Amino acid sequence: MNTVSNGSSLETRISAVSSKLSESRRKLAQFVVDNSLFAAFASASELGEQVGVSPATVIRFCQSLGYEGYPEFQLDIRASIPTYLRAVQLLDKGEGRSTREVGFSRVFELDSQNIRRTAETLPADRFEAAVATLSRATDILIVGAGISSAPAVYFAHLLNTVGLNARAITSGGIPLATELVKLRSSSVLVAISVWRYVAETILAMDRAARAGATRIAISDSPVSPLAQRADYAFHVVTPGAGHSRSITAAMTLVNAFISALADARPEETAGALREIESAYRDASLLSID
């Protein structure tokens, strides 16, 4: 029985049923998200072997997502494979543009696809609820390490520009522990982690839960450890053209939050910006007036 309407993307389908998945199917979903190219062309037996489940479990998993069977599931994945792969194949045959041109353009093409696919799967009602929660928070702690530190710092900075009390922690140990003890029921913890989920970021979610703080997760899978612990979970698409993942979609999601908060808090935002501008001028921080 289909649980998700036909035409939905794989990410949307997984997100819709993530809370109902068994442990084995959750592991399967995580593997598919992390290894989409393998899943696109492997047999059901080969996919199941990677996760330690039977081919029948793989097929039932596909059906729980709303697909009629495994072939339809694979077709959906193949349709989402970045189109730059075709350009690389042409290059291997000596056709098309130079290596530099293909490499240069594929980064922009892939990041554009990441942003588009993230927007397509962004749940509007959940986004609006998270915006309202952030707007009411007495303080906001944003945790992100490694490649996730950039959106964490960026998010905290922009939250302060709209008049909210936000701080970012990009390391664990004593600095993180010191900030976590400040969390209260009126606080919000935003945890950001993609690819190799940082253990201390996950533990921060557990500590926030014990404090009664609201938890927002930004990760690259609807079944990530962060998503499972969040009150509001958002997943961003992160395939990268280089050796690491891309955080472009995560930065764009941060921009979306800030835009919505500025619209919801026009007077507070204007006041905060005036105070920041005044502080910059008083401290002679700006080289050009």
C-alpha atoms as a PDB file:
ATOM      1  CA  MET A   1       0.000   0.000   0.000  1.00  0.00           C
ATOM      2  CA  ASN A   2       1.433   3.367  -1.044  1.00  0.00           C
ATOM      3  CA  THR A   3       2.092   5.719   1.839  1.00  0.00           C
ATOM      4  CA  VAL A   4       3.309   8.671  -0.210  1.00  0.00           C
ATOM      5  CA  SER A   5       1.760  10.203  -3.289  1.00  0.00           C
ATOM      6  CA  ASN A   6       3.341   9.333  -6.622  1.00  0.00           C
ATOM      7  CA  GLY A   7       5.753  11.914  -7.996  1.00  0.00           C
ATOM      8  CA  SER A   8       7.338  12.741  -4.649  1.00  0.00           C
ATOM      9  CA  SER A   9      11.122  12.725  -4.533  1.00  0.00           C
ATOM     10  CA  LEU A  10      12.991  10.011  -2.661  1.00  0.00           C
ATOM     11  CA  GLU A  11      13.965  12.455   0.100  1.00  0.00           C
ATOM     12  CA  THR A  12      10.337  13.491   0.585  1.00  0.00           C
ATOM     13  CA  ARG A  13       9.180   9.886   0.734  1.00  0.00           C
ATOM     14  CA  ILE A  14      11.785   8.934   3.334  1.00  0.00           C
ATOM     15  CA  SER A  15      11.026  12.008   5.424  1.00  0.00           C
ATOM     16  CA  ALA A  16       7.298  11.239   5.408  1.00  0.00           C
ATOM     17  CA  VAL A  17       7.726   7.751   6.867  1.00  0.00           C
ATOM     18  CA  SER A  18      10.962   8.146   8.862  1.00  0.00           C
ATOM     19  CA  SER A  19       9.245   8.031  12.254  1.00  0.00           C
ATOM     20  CA  LYS A  20       7.617   4.690  11.358  1.00  0.00           C
ATOM     21  CA  LEU A  21      10.685   2.912  10.015  1.00  0.00           C
ATOM     22  CA  SER A  22      12.131  -0.060  11.865  1.00  0.00           C
ATOM     23  CA  GLU A  23      15.803   0.014  12.831  1.00  0.00           C
ATOM     24  CA  SER A  24      16.793  -2.119   9.831  1.00  0.00           C
ATOM     25  CA  ARG A  25      14.812   0.022   7.388  1.00  0.00           C
ATOM     26  CA  ARG A  26      16.235   3.191   8.951  1.00  0.00           C
ATOM     27  CA  LYS A  27      19.740   1.854   8.346  1.00  0.00           C
ATOM     28  CA  LEU A  28      18.710   1.035   4.788  1.00  0.00           C
ATOM     29  CA  ALA A  29      17.339   4.538   4.252  1.00  0.00           C
ATOM     30  CA  GLN A  30      20.538   6.090   5.605  1.00  0.00           C
ATOM     31  CA  PHE A  31      22.666   3.924   3.325  1.00  0.00           C
ATOM     32  CA  VAL A  32      20.588   4.886   0.280  1.00  0.00           C
ATOM     33  CA  VAL A  33      20.878   8.589   1.102  1.00  0.00           C
ATOM     34  CA  ASP A  34      24.645   8.305   1.573  1.00  0.00           C
ATOM     35  CA  ASN A  35      25.248   6.002  -1.424  1.00  0.00           C
ATOM     36  CA  SER A  36      22.682   6.974  -4.040  1.00  0.00           C
ATOM     37  CA  LEU A  37      24.909   6.036  -6.994  1.00  0.00           C
ATOM     38  CA  PHE A  38      25.351   2.499  -5.650  1.00  0.00           C
ATOM     39  CA  ALA A  39      21.621   2.124  -4.950  1.00  0.00           C
ATOM     40  CA  ALA A  40      20.761   3.394  -8.423  1.00  0.00           C
ATOM     41  CA  PHE A  41      22.416   0.426 -10.146  1.00  0.00           C
ATOM     42  CA  ALA A  42      22.833  -2.355  -7.562  1.00  0.00           C
ATOM     43  CA  SER A  43      20.462  -5.293  -7.365  1.00  0.00           C
ATOM     44  CA  ALA A  44      18.139  -5.658  -4.385  1.00  0.00           C
ATOM     45  CA  SER A  45      20.388  -8.458  -3.134  1.00  0.00           C
ATOM     46  CA  GLU A  46      23.520  -6.328  -3.429  1.00  0.00           C
ATOM     47  CA  LEU A  47      21.871  -3.395  -1.661  1.00  0.00           C
ATOM     48  CA  GLY A  48      20.573  -5.610   1.120  1.00  0.00           C
ATOM     49  CA  GLU A  49      23.987  -7.206   1.571  1.00  0.00           C
ATOM     50  CA  GLN A  50      25.547  -3.797   2.236  1.00  0.00           C
ATOM     51  CA  VAL A  51      23.161  -3.173   5.134  1.00  0.00           C
ATOM     52  CA  GLY A  52      22.733  -6.729   6.341  1.00  0.00           C
ATOM     53  CA  VAL A  53      19.104  -7.238   5.327  1.00  0.00           C
ATOM     54  CA  SER A  54      17.359  -9.596   2.926  1.00  0.00           C
ATOM     55  CA  PRO A  55      16.297  -8.680  -0.626  1.00  0.00           C
ATOM     56  CA  ALA A  56      12.685  -9.039   0.530  1.00  0.00           C
ATOM     57  CA  THR A  57      13.291  -6.378   3.193  1.00  0.00           C
ATOM     58  CA  VAL A  58      14.713  -4.073   0.526  1.00  0.00           C
ATOM     59  CA  ILE A  59      11.614  -4.527  -1.632  1.00  0.00           C
ATOM     60  CA  ARG A  60       9.252  -3.993   1.299  1.00  0.00           C
ATOM     61  CA  PHE A  61      11.216  -0.876   2.197  1.00  0.00           C
ATOM     62  CA  CYS A  62      10.686   0.477  -1.332  1.00  0.00           C
ATOM     63  CA  GLN A  63       6.964  -0.270  -1.088  1.00  0.00           C
ATOM     64  CA  SER A  64       6.738   1.498   2.272  1.00  0.00           C
ATOM     65  CA  LEU A  65       8.031   4.603   0.486  1.00  0.00           C
ATOM     66  CA  GLY A  66       5.193   4.416  -2.010  1.00  0.00           C
ATOM     67  CA  TYR A  67       6.975   2.687  -4.899  1.00  0.00           C
ATOM     68  CA  GLU A  68       5.411  -0.322  -6.589  1.00  0.00           C
ATOM     69  CA  GLY A  69       8.689  -2.161  -6.389  1.00  0.00           C
ATOM     70  CA  TYR A  70      12.461  -1.987  -6.613  1.00  0.00           C
ATOM     71  CA  PRO A  71      12.700  -1.006 -10.317  1.00  0.00           C
ATOM     72  CA  GLU A  72      10.538   2.096  -9.777  1.00  0.00           C
ATOM     73  CA  PHE A  73      12.628   2.960  -6.731  1.00  0.00           C
ATOM     74  CA  GLN A  74      15.834   2.793  -8.814  1.00  0.00           C
ATOM     75  CA  LEU A  75      14.364   4.853 -11.628  1.00  0.00           C
ATOM     76  CA  ASP A  76      13.573   7.623  -9.176  1.00  0.00           C
ATOM     77  CA  ILE A  77      17.149   7.625  -7.879  1.00  0.00           C
ATOM     78  CA  ARG A  78      18.595   7.618 -11.388  1.00  0.00           C
ATOM     79  CA  ALA A  79      16.432  10.599 -12.321  1.00  0.00           C
ATOM     80  CA  SER A  80      18.030  12.594  -9.500  1.00  0.00           C
ATOM     81  CA  ILE A  81      21.638  11.744 -10.369  1.00  0.00           C
ATOM     82  CA  PRO A  82      23.399  15.027 -11.213  1.00  0.00           C
ATOM     83  CA  THR A  83      23.461  15.726 -14.907  1.00  0.00           C
ATOM     84  CA  TYR A  84      27.141  16.630 -14.738  1.00  0.00           C
ATOM     85  CA  LEU A  85      27.879  12.889 -14.882  1.00  0.00           C
ATOM     86  CA  ARG A  86      26.937  12.939 -18.553  1.00  0.00           C
ATOM     87  CA  ALA A  87      29.414  15.767 -19.143  1.00  0.00           C
ATOM     88  CA  VAL A  88      32.161  13.719 -17.512  1.00  0.00           C
ATOM     89  CA  GLN A  89      31.267  10.725 -19.694  1.00  0.00           C
ATOM     90  CA  LEU A  90      31.512  12.902 -22.802  1.00  0.00           C
ATOM     91  CA  LEU A  91      34.870  14.176 -21.632  1.00  0.00           C
ATOM     92  CA  ASP A  92      36.129  10.613 -21.218  1.00  0.00           C
ATOM     93  CA  LYS A  93      35.263  10.054 -24.880  1.00  0.00           C
ATOM     94  CA  GLY A  94      37.155  13.170 -25.928  1.00  0.00           C
ATOM     95  CA  GLU A  95      34.003  15.144 -26.639  1.00  0.00           C
ATOM     96  CA  GLY A  96      32.764  18.439 -25.267  1.00  0.00           C
ATOM     97  CA  ARG A  97      34.699  20.978 -23.244  1.00  0.00           C
ATOM     98  CA  SER A  98      38.105  20.947 -21.600  1.00  0.00           C
ATOM     99  CA  THR A  99      38.759  19.379 -18.208  1.00  0.00           C
ATOM    100  CA  ARG A 100      38.952  22.825 -16.583  1.00  0.00           C
ATOM    101  CA  GLU A 101      35.636  23.917 -18.139  1.00  0.00           C
ATOM    102  CA  VAL A 102      33.823  20.746 -17.109  1.00  0.00           C
ATOM    103  CA  GLY A 103      35.250  20.878 -13.572  1.00  0.00           C
ATOM    104  CA  PHE A 104      34.445  24.561 -13.183  1.00  0.00           C
ATOM    105  CA  SER A 105      30.872  24.343 -14.410  1.00  0.00           C
ATOM    106  CA  ARG A 106      29.970  21.110 -12.659  1.00  0.00           C
ATOM    107  CA  VAL A 107      30.590  22.687  -9.233  1.00  0.00           C
ATOM    108  CA  PHE A 108      28.030  25.403  -9.946  1.00  0.00           C
ATOM    109  CA  GLU A 109      25.646  22.951 -11.579  1.00  0.00           C
ATOM    110  CA  LEU A 110      25.815  20.533  -8.663  1.00  0.00           C
ATOM    111  CA  ASP A 111      25.358  23.245  -6.045  1.00  0.00           C
ATOM    112  CA  SER A 112      22.373  24.593  -7.973  1.00  0.00           C
ATOM    113  CA  GLN A 113      20.857  21.110  -7.966  1.00  0.00           C
ATOM    114  CA  ASN A 114      21.523  20.795  -4.240  1.00  0.00           C
ATOM    115  CA  ILE A 115      19.655  24.024  -3.534  1.00  0.00           C
ATOM    116  CA  ARG A 116      16.749  23.106  -5.816  1.00  0.00           C
ATOM    117  CA  ARG A 117      16.325  19.618  -4.376  1.00  0.00           C
ATOM    118  CA  THR A 118      16.509  20.985  -0.824  1.00  0.00           C
ATOM    119  CA  ALA A 119      13.820  23.549  -1.600  1.00  0.00           C
ATOM    120  CA  GLU A 120      11.604  20.890  -3.167  1.00  0.00           C
ATOM    121  CA  THR A 121      11.642  18.778  -0.007  1.00  0.00           C
ATOM    122  CA  LEU A 122      11.453  21.612   2.538  1.00  0.00           C
ATOM    123  CA  PRO A 123       8.248  21.174   4.597  1.00  0.00           C
ATOM    124  CA  ALA A 124       6.623  24.624   4.674  1.00  0.00           C
ATOM    125  CA  ASP A 125       4.586  24.052   7.821  1.00  0.00           C
ATOM    126  CA  ARG A 126       7.597  22.738   9.744  1.00  0.00           C
ATOM    127  CA  PHE A 127       9.698  25.654   8.505  1.00  0.00           C
ATOM    128  CA  GLU A 128       7.116  28.216   9.648  1.00  0.00           C
ATOM    129  CA  ALA A 129       6.825  26.527  13.063  1.00  0.00           C
ATOM    130  CA  ALA A 130      10.593  26.596  13.485  1.00  0.00           C
ATOM    131  CA  VAL A 131      10.693  30.279  12.544  1.00  0.00           C
ATOM    132  CA  ALA A 132       8.053  31.051  15.182  1.00  0.00           C
ATOM    133  CA  THR A 133      10.013  29.064  17.774  1.00  0.00           C
ATOM    134  CA  LEU A 134      13.254  30.884  16.985  1.00  0.00           C
ATOM    135  CA  SER A 135      11.459  34.221  17.174  1.00  0.00           C
ATOM    136  CA  ARG A 136      10.223  33.469  20.719  1.00  0.00           C
ATOM    137  CA  ALA A 137      13.476  32.031  22.065  1.00  0.00           C
ATOM    138  CA  THR A 138      15.268  33.759  24.928  1.00  0.00           C
ATOM    139  CA  ASP A 139      18.569  32.448  23.587  1.00  0.00           C
ATOM    140  CA  ILE A 140      19.747  30.279  20.703  1.00  0.00           C
ATOM    141  CA  LEU A 141      22.760  27.983  20.765  1.00  0.00           C
ATOM    142  CA  ILE A 142      24.017  26.726  17.410  1.00  0.00           C
ATOM    143  CA  VAL A 143      26.373  23.749  17.371  1.00  0.00           C
ATOM    144  CA  GLY A 144      28.310  22.696  14.299  1.00  0.00           C
ATOM    145  CA  ALA A 145      31.799  21.225  13.909  1.00  0.00           C
ATOM    146  CA  GLY A 146      34.042  20.474  10.956  1.00  0.00           C
ATOM    147  CA  ILE A 147      32.444  21.393   7.632  1.00  0.00           C
ATOM    148  CA  SER A 148      29.260  22.231   9.553  1.00  0.00           C
ATOM    149  CA  SER A 149      30.987  25.001  11.493  1.00  0.00           C
ATOM    150  CA  ALA A 150      30.597  27.507   8.640  1.00  0.00           C
ATOM    151  CA  PRO A 151      26.768  27.480   8.539  1.00  0.00           C
ATOM    152  CA  ALA A 152      26.737  27.452  12.365  1.00  0.00           C
ATOM    153  CA  VAL A 153      28.805  30.634  12.652  1.00  0.00           C
ATOM    154  CA  TYR A 154      26.951  32.255   9.763  1.00  0.00           C
ATOM    155  CA  PHE A 155      23.561  31.430  11.296  1.00  0.00           C
ATOM    156  CA  ALA A 156      24.503  32.802  14.734  1.00  0.00           C
ATOM    157  CA  HIS A 157      25.851  36.022  13.229  1.00  0.00           C
ATOM    158  CA  LEU A 158      22.727  36.659  11.168  1.00  0.00           C
ATOM    159  CA  LEU A 159      20.393  35.818  14.063  1.00  0.00           C
ATOM    160  CA  ASN A 160      22.068  38.574  16.066  1.00  0.00           C
ATOM    161  CA  THR A 161      21.495  41.014  13.203  1.00  0.00           C
ATOM    162  CA  VAL A 162      17.731  40.467  13.497  1.00  0.00           C
ATOM    163  CA  GLY A 163      17.826  41.115  17.232  1.00  0.00           C
ATOM    164  CA  LEU A 164      17.982  37.581  18.614  1.00  0.00           C
ATOM    165  CA  ASN A 165      20.399  36.347  21.270  1.00  0.00           C
ATOM    166  CA  ALA A 166      22.452  33.703  19.470  1.00  0.00           C
ATOM    167  CA  ARG A 167      25.871  32.141  19.851  1.00  0.00           C
ATOM    168  CA  ALA A 168      27.757  29.455  17.924  1.00  0.00           C
ATOM    169  CA  ILE A 169      29.988  26.680  19.201  1.00  0.00           C
ATOM    170  CA  THR A 170      32.223  24.916  16.684  1.00  0.00           C
ATOM    171  CA  SER A 171      34.234  22.745  19.062  1.00  0.00           C
ATOM    172  CA  GLY A 172      33.420  20.213  21.741  1.00  0.00           C
ATOM    173  CA  GLY A 173      34.872  19.626  25.159  1.00  0.00           C
ATOM    174  CA  ILE A 174      34.728  22.324  27.825  1.00  0.00           C
ATOM    175  CA  PRO A 175      33.479  25.160  25.550  1.00  0.00           C
ATOM    176  CA  LEU A 176      30.467  23.120  24.454  1.00  0.00           C
ATOM    177  CA  ALA A 177      29.748  21.803  27.950  1.00  0.00           C
ATOM    178  CA  THR A 178      29.849  25.349  29.338  1.00  0.00           C
ATOM    179  CA  GLU A 179      27.268  26.525  26.810  1.00  0.00           C
ATOM    180  CA  LEU A 180      24.993  23.504  27.211  1.00  0.00           C
ATOM    181  CA  VAL A 181      24.507  24.091  30.941  1.00  0.00           C
ATOM    182  CA  LYS A 182      22.958  27.468  30.088  1.00  0.00           C
ATOM    183  CA  LEU A 183      20.071  25.897  28.170  1.00  0.00           C
ATOM    184  CA  ARG A 184      16.591  26.342  29.592  1.00  0.00           C
ATOM    185  CA  SER A 185      13.080  25.467  28.447  1.00  0.00           C
ATOM    186  CA  SER A 186      12.930  28.835  26.690  1.00  0.00           C
ATOM    187  CA  SER A 187      16.144  28.130  24.756  1.00  0.00           C
ATOM    188  CA  VAL A 188      16.569  26.712  21.281  1.00  0.00           C
ATOM    189  CA  LEU A 189      19.426  24.442  20.225  1.00  0.00           C
ATOM    190  CA  VAL A 190      20.198  24.298  16.509  1.00  0.00           C
ATOM    191  CA  ALA A 191      22.425  21.322  15.700  1.00  0.00           C
ATOM    192  CA  ILE A 192      24.089  21.171  12.281  1.00  0.00           C
ATOM    193  CA  SER A 193      25.960  18.089  11.113  1.00  0.00           C
ATOM    194  CA  VAL A 194      26.285  16.375   7.744  1.00  0.00           C
ATOM    195  CA  TRP A 195      27.989  13.314   6.353  1.00  0.00           C
ATOM    196  CA  ARG A 196      29.991  11.968   9.323  1.00  0.00           C
ATOM    197  CA  TYR A 197      27.782  13.023  12.194  1.00  0.00           C
ATOM    198  CA  VAL A 198      29.844  14.478  15.037  1.00  0.00           C
ATOM    199  CA  ALA A 199      29.241  12.565  18.271  1.00  0.00           C
ATOM    200  CA  GLU A 200      29.338  15.650  20.497  1.00  0.00           C
ATOM    201  CA  THR A 201      26.728  17.381  18.337  1.00  0.00           C
ATOM    202  CA  ILE A 202      24.428  14.407  18.861  1.00  0.00           C
ATOM    203  CA  LEU A 203      25.096  14.453  22.603  1.00  0.00           C
ATOM    204  CA  ALA A 204      24.266  18.168  22.627  1.00  0.00           C
ATOM    205  CA  MET A 205      20.806  17.281  21.327  1.00  0.00           C
ATOM    206  CA  ASP A 206      20.338  14.839  24.210  1.00  0.00           C
ATOM    207  CA  ARG A 207      21.488  17.448  26.742  1.00  0.00           C
ATOM    208  CA  ALA A 208      19.084  19.994  25.269  1.00  0.00           C
ATOM    209  CA  ALA A 209      16.234  17.513  25.581  1.00  0.00           C
ATOM    210  CA  ARG A 210      16.961  17.056  29.284  1.00  0.00           C
ATOM    211  CA  ALA A 211      16.938  20.844  29.722  1.00  0.00           C
ATOM    212  CA  GLY A 212      13.571  21.095  27.966  1.00  0.00           C
ATOM    213  CA  ALA A 213      14.986  23.248  25.163  1.00  0.00           C
ATOM    214  CA  THR A 214      13.528  23.083  21.659  1.00  0.00           C
ATOM    215  CA  ARG A 215      15.785  21.246  19.219  1.00  0.00           C
ATOM    216  CA  ILE A 216      16.208  22.077  15.538  1.00  0.00           C
ATOM    217  CA  ALA A 217      18.335  19.810  13.361  1.00  0.00           C
ATOM    218  CA  ILE A 218      19.926  20.526  10.001  1.00  0.00           C
ATOM    219  CA  SER A 219      21.473  17.412   8.485  1.00  0.00           C
ATOM    220  CA  ASP A 220      21.723  15.605   5.171  1.00  0.00           C
ATOM    221  CA  SER A 221      19.232  12.832   5.903  1.00  0.00           C
ATOM    222  CA  PRO A 222      15.704  12.608   7.324  1.00  0.00           C
ATOM    223  CA  VAL A 223      16.837   9.539   9.260  1.00  0.00           C
ATOM    224  CA  SER A 224      20.113  10.950  10.627  1.00  0.00           C
ATOM    225  CA  PRO A 225      20.800  10.739  14.383  1.00  0.00           C
ATOM    226  CA  LEU A 226      20.114  14.473  14.612  1.00  0.00           C
ATOM    227  CA  ALA A 227      16.786  14.238  12.802  1.00  0.00           C
ATOM    228  CA  GLN A 228      15.650  11.465  15.123  1.00  0.00           C
ATOM    229  CA  ARG A 229      16.287  13.697  18.156  1.00  0.00           C
ATOM    230  CA  ALA A 230      14.846  16.948  16.809  1.00  0.00           C
ATOM    231  CA  ASP A 231      11.564  18.734  17.365  1.00  0.00           C
ATOM    232  CA  TYR A 232      12.026  20.263  13.906  1.00  0.00           C
ATOM    233  CA  ALA A 233      14.287  18.412  11.464  1.00  0.00           C
ATOM    234  CA  PHE A 234      15.439  19.762   8.108  1.00  0.00           C
ATOM    235  CA  HIS A 235      17.609  17.910   5.643  1.00  0.00           C
ATOM    236  CA  VAL A 236      19.774  19.530   3.010  1.00  0.00           C
ATOM    237  CA  VAL A 237      21.202  17.930  -0.124  1.00  0.00           C
ATOM    238  CA  THR A 238      25.006  17.828   0.044  1.00  0.00           C
ATOM    239  CA  PRO A 239      26.750  15.979  -2.841  1.00  0.00           C
ATOM    240  CA  GLY A 240      30.013  17.736  -3.630  1.00  0.00           C
ATOM    241  CA  ALA A 241      32.099  17.883  -6.779  1.00  0.00           C
ATOM    242  CA  GLY A 242      35.330  17.559  -4.814  1.00  0.00           C
ATOM    243  CA  HIS A 243      36.526  15.334  -2.001  1.00  0.00           C
ATOM    244  CA  SER A 244      33.994  16.635   0.538  1.00  0.00           C
ATOM    245  CA  ARG A 245      30.305  17.437   0.778  1.00  0.00           C
ATOM    246  CA  SER A 246      28.815  20.772  -0.258  1.00  0.00           C
ATOM    247  CA  ILE A 247      27.277  23.050   2.379  1.00  0.00           C
ATOM    248  CA  THR A 248      25.767  25.453  -0.161  1.00  0.00           C
ATOM    249  CA  ALA A 249      22.200  24.260   0.457  1.00  0.00           C
ATOM    250  CA  ALA A 250      22.720  24.529   4.224  1.00  0.00           C
ATOM    251  CA  MET A 251      23.832  28.141   3.845  1.00  0.00           C
ATOM    252  CA  THR A 252      20.814  28.836   1.651  1.00  0.00           C
ATOM    253  CA  LEU A 253      18.505  27.310   4.262  1.00  0.00           C
ATOM    254  CA  VAL A 254      20.079  29.629   6.851  1.00  0.00           C
ATOM    255  CA  ASN A 255      19.340  32.563   4.546  1.00  0.00           C
ATOM    256  CA  ALA A 256      15.735  31.409   4.283  1.00  0.00           C
ATOM    257  CA  PHE A 257      15.396  31.339   8.075  1.00  0.00           C
ATOM    258  CA  ILE A 258      16.872  34.824   8.425  1.00  0.00           C
ATOM    259  CA  SER A 259      14.655  36.257   5.692  1.00  0.00           C
ATOM    260  CA  ALA A 260      11.549  34.812   7.358  1.00  0.00           C
ATOM    261  CA  LEU A 261      12.618  36.062  10.790  1.00  0.00           C
ATOM    262  CA  ALA A 262      13.315  39.564   9.468  1.00  0.00           C
ATOM    263  CA  ASP A 263       9.844  39.635   7.910  1.00  0.00           C
ATOM    264  CA  ALA A 264       8.285  38.418  11.167  1.00  0.00           C
ATOM    265  CA  ARG A 265      10.264  40.904  13.320  1.00  0.00           C
ATOM    266  CA  PRO A 266      10.615  44.103  11.254  1.00  0.00           C
ATOM    267  CA  GLU A 267      10.919  46.536  14.168  1.00  0.00           C
ATOM    268  CA  GLU A 268      13.331  44.360  16.152  1.00  0.00           C
ATOM    269  CA  THR A 269      15.413  43.764  13.040  1.00  0.00           C
ATOM    270  CA  ALA A 270      15.604  47.458  12.186  1.00  0.00           C
ATOM    271  CA  GLY A 271      16.558  48.306  15.761  1.00  0.00           C
ATOM    272  CA  ALA A 272      19.270  45.651  15.887  1.00  0.00           C
ATOM    273  CA  LEU A 273      20.747  46.771  12.580  1.00  0.00           C
ATOM    274  CA  ARG A 274      20.856  50.394  13.749  1.00  0.00           C
ATOM    275  CA  GLU A 275      22.647  49.381  16.954  1.00  0.00           C
ATOM    276  CA  ILE A 276      25.157  47.257  15.068  1.00  0.00           C
ATOM    277  CA  GLU A 277      25.822  50.037  12.575  1.00  0.00           C
ATOM    278  CA  SER A 278      26.359  52.496  15.425  1.00  0.00           C
ATOM    279  CA  ALA A 279      28.735  50.115  17.193  1.00  0.00           C
ATOM    280  CA  TYR A 280      30.742  49.637  13.991  1.00  0.00           C
ATOM    281  CA  ARG A 281      31.072  53.387  13.528  1.00  0.00           C
ATOM    282  CA  ASP A 282      31.987  54.069  17.171  1.00  0.00           C
ATOM    283  CA  ALA A 283      34.738  51.459  17.006  1.00  0.00           C
ATOM    284  CA  SER A 284      35.908  52.634  13.547  1.00  0.00           C
ATOM    285  CA  LEU A 285      35.453  49.112  12.228  1.00  0.00           C
ATOM    286  CA  LEU A 286      34.416  50.186   8.727  1.00  0.00           C
ATOM    287  CA  SER A 287      37.101  51.285   6.273  1.00  0.00           C
ATOM    288  CA  ILE A 288      34.552  52.800   3.905  1.00  0.00           C
ATOM    289  CA  ASP A 289      31.608  54.859   5.155  1.00  0.00           C
END
